[in-house]
């Protein structure tokens, strides 16, 4: 019985970690796209 409890805790931990990893990736993507938009604007202003 004790073994099952330990297993459940570990699984939950792994799941949480995976979720955090996904959140990090999404945040990176969002930051990257924002940076791209900013640089695009900047390039357009320079061309004028």
N, C-alpha and C. Protein backbone atom coordinates (compact mmCIF):
# COMPACT_ATOMS: atom_id res chain seq x y z
N UNK A 1 0.84 -1.20 0.00
CA UNK A 1 0.00 0.00 0.00
C UNK A 1 0.87 1.25 0.00
N UNK A 2 1.87 1.27 0.87
CA UNK A 2 2.73 2.45 0.99
C UNK A 2 3.37 2.78 -0.36
N UNK A 3 3.75 1.75 -1.08
CA UNK A 3 4.41 1.90 -2.38
C UNK A 3 3.52 2.67 -3.37
N UNK A 4 2.21 2.33 -3.38
CA UNK A 4 1.27 3.00 -4.28
C UNK A 4 1.20 4.50 -3.99
N UNK A 5 1.16 4.84 -2.71
CA UNK A 5 1.09 6.25 -2.32
C UNK A 5 2.30 7.00 -2.86
N UNK A 6 3.49 6.42 -2.66
CA UNK A 6 4.73 7.04 -3.14
C UNK A 6 4.66 7.26 -4.65
N UNK A 7 4.21 6.22 -5.35
CA UNK A 7 4.12 6.29 -6.80
C UNK A 7 3.20 7.43 -7.24
N UNK A 8 2.05 7.55 -6.59
CA UNK A 8 1.10 8.61 -6.93
C UNK A 8 1.74 9.98 -6.76
N UNK A 9 2.44 10.16 -5.63
CA UNK A 9 3.09 11.45 -5.37
C UNK A 9 4.10 11.77 -6.46
N UNK A 10 4.91 10.78 -6.82
CA UNK A 10 5.93 10.99 -7.84
C UNK A 10 5.29 11.37 -9.18
N UNK A 11 4.23 10.64 -9.54
CA UNK A 11 3.56 10.92 -10.82
C UNK A 11 3.05 12.35 -10.84
N UNK A 12 2.41 12.76 -9.72
CA UNK A 12 1.86 14.11 -9.64
C UNK A 12 2.97 15.14 -9.78
N UNK A 13 4.08 14.88 -9.11
CA UNK A 13 5.23 15.80 -9.17
C UNK A 13 5.70 15.96 -10.61
N UNK A 14 5.88 14.83 -11.29
CA UNK A 14 6.35 14.86 -12.68
C UNK A 14 5.40 15.66 -13.54
N UNK A 15 4.09 15.43 -13.35
CA UNK A 15 3.07 16.12 -14.13
C UNK A 15 3.19 17.63 -13.93
N UNK A 16 3.31 18.04 -12.66
CA UNK A 16 3.44 19.46 -12.35
C UNK A 16 4.67 20.05 -13.01
N UNK A 17 5.78 19.31 -12.94
CA UNK A 17 7.01 19.81 -13.56
C UNK A 17 6.82 19.99 -15.06
N UNK A 18 6.14 19.02 -15.69
CA UNK A 18 5.92 19.11 -17.13
C UNK A 18 5.10 20.35 -17.45
N UNK A 19 4.05 20.59 -16.62
CA UNK A 19 3.20 21.76 -16.83
C UNK A 19 4.03 23.03 -16.74
N UNK A 20 4.91 23.10 -15.74
CA UNK A 20 5.76 24.28 -15.58
C UNK A 20 6.64 24.46 -16.81
N UNK A 21 7.19 23.36 -17.31
CA UNK A 21 8.04 23.42 -18.49
C UNK A 21 7.28 23.98 -19.68
N UNK A 22 6.04 23.52 -19.86
CA UNK A 22 5.22 24.00 -20.97
C UNK A 22 4.97 25.50 -20.82
N UNK A 23 4.66 25.92 -19.58
CA UNK A 23 4.41 27.34 -19.34
C UNK A 23 5.64 28.15 -19.73
N UNK A 24 6.81 27.66 -19.35
CA UNK A 24 8.05 28.36 -19.68
C UNK A 24 8.20 28.49 -21.19
N UNK A 25 7.96 27.39 -21.90
CA UNK A 25 8.10 27.40 -23.36
C UNK A 25 7.15 28.42 -23.97
N UNK A 26 5.88 28.40 -23.49
CA UNK A 26 4.90 29.33 -24.03
C UNK A 26 5.33 30.77 -23.79
N UNK A 27 5.87 31.02 -22.58
CA UNK A 27 6.30 32.38 -22.26
C UNK A 27 7.44 32.80 -23.19
N UNK A 28 8.37 31.88 -23.43
CA UNK A 28 9.48 32.18 -24.33
C UNK A 28 8.96 32.53 -25.72
N UNK A 29 8.01 31.72 -26.22
CA UNK A 29 7.44 31.98 -27.55
C UNK A 29 6.81 33.36 -27.59
N UNK A 30 6.03 33.69 -26.52
CA UNK A 30 5.34 34.97 -26.49
C UNK A 30 6.35 36.12 -26.51
N UNK A 31 7.39 36.01 -25.71
CA UNK A 31 8.40 37.06 -25.65
C UNK A 31 9.08 37.20 -27.01
N UNK A 32 9.36 36.06 -27.63
CA UNK A 32 10.04 36.09 -28.92
C UNK A 32 9.18 36.81 -29.96
N UNK A 33 7.88 36.50 -29.99
CA UNK A 33 7.00 37.12 -30.98
C UNK A 33 6.89 38.62 -30.71
N UNK A 34 6.83 39.01 -29.43
CA UNK A 34 6.77 40.43 -29.10
C UNK A 34 8.03 41.14 -29.59
N UNK A 35 9.19 40.49 -29.37
CA UNK A 35 10.46 41.07 -29.79
C UNK A 35 10.47 41.24 -31.30
N UNK A 36 9.95 40.22 -32.01
CA UNK A 36 9.90 40.28 -33.47
C UNK A 36 9.04 41.46 -33.93
N UNK A 37 7.87 41.61 -33.33
CA UNK A 37 6.98 42.71 -33.70
C UNK A 37 7.69 44.04 -33.51
N UNK A 38 8.37 44.18 -32.37
CA UNK A 38 9.05 45.43 -32.07
C UNK A 38 10.12 45.71 -33.12
N UNK A 39 10.92 44.69 -33.47
CA UNK A 39 12.00 44.89 -34.42
C UNK A 39 11.44 45.19 -35.82
N UNK A 40 10.30 44.56 -36.15
CA UNK A 40 9.66 44.84 -37.44
C UNK A 40 9.29 46.32 -37.53
N UNK A 41 8.67 46.82 -36.48
CA UNK A 41 8.26 48.23 -36.43
C UNK A 41 9.49 49.10 -36.62
N UNK A 42 10.55 48.76 -35.90
CA UNK A 42 11.78 49.53 -35.93
C UNK A 42 12.35 49.56 -37.35
N UNK A 43 12.39 48.38 -38.00
CA UNK A 43 12.92 48.30 -39.36
C UNK A 43 12.09 49.17 -40.31
N UNK A 44 10.75 49.12 -40.15
CA UNK A 44 9.88 49.90 -41.01
C UNK A 44 10.17 51.39 -40.85
N UNK A 45 10.38 51.83 -39.60
CA UNK A 45 10.65 53.25 -39.35
C UNK A 45 11.97 53.66 -39.98
N UNK A 46 12.95 52.77 -39.95
CA UNK A 46 14.26 53.10 -40.54
C UNK A 46 14.14 53.25 -42.06
N UNK A 47 13.34 52.38 -42.68
CA UNK A 47 13.22 52.40 -44.14
C UNK A 47 12.65 53.73 -44.65
N UNK A 48 11.78 54.37 -43.86
CA UNK A 48 11.14 55.60 -44.33
C UNK A 48 12.12 56.73 -44.57
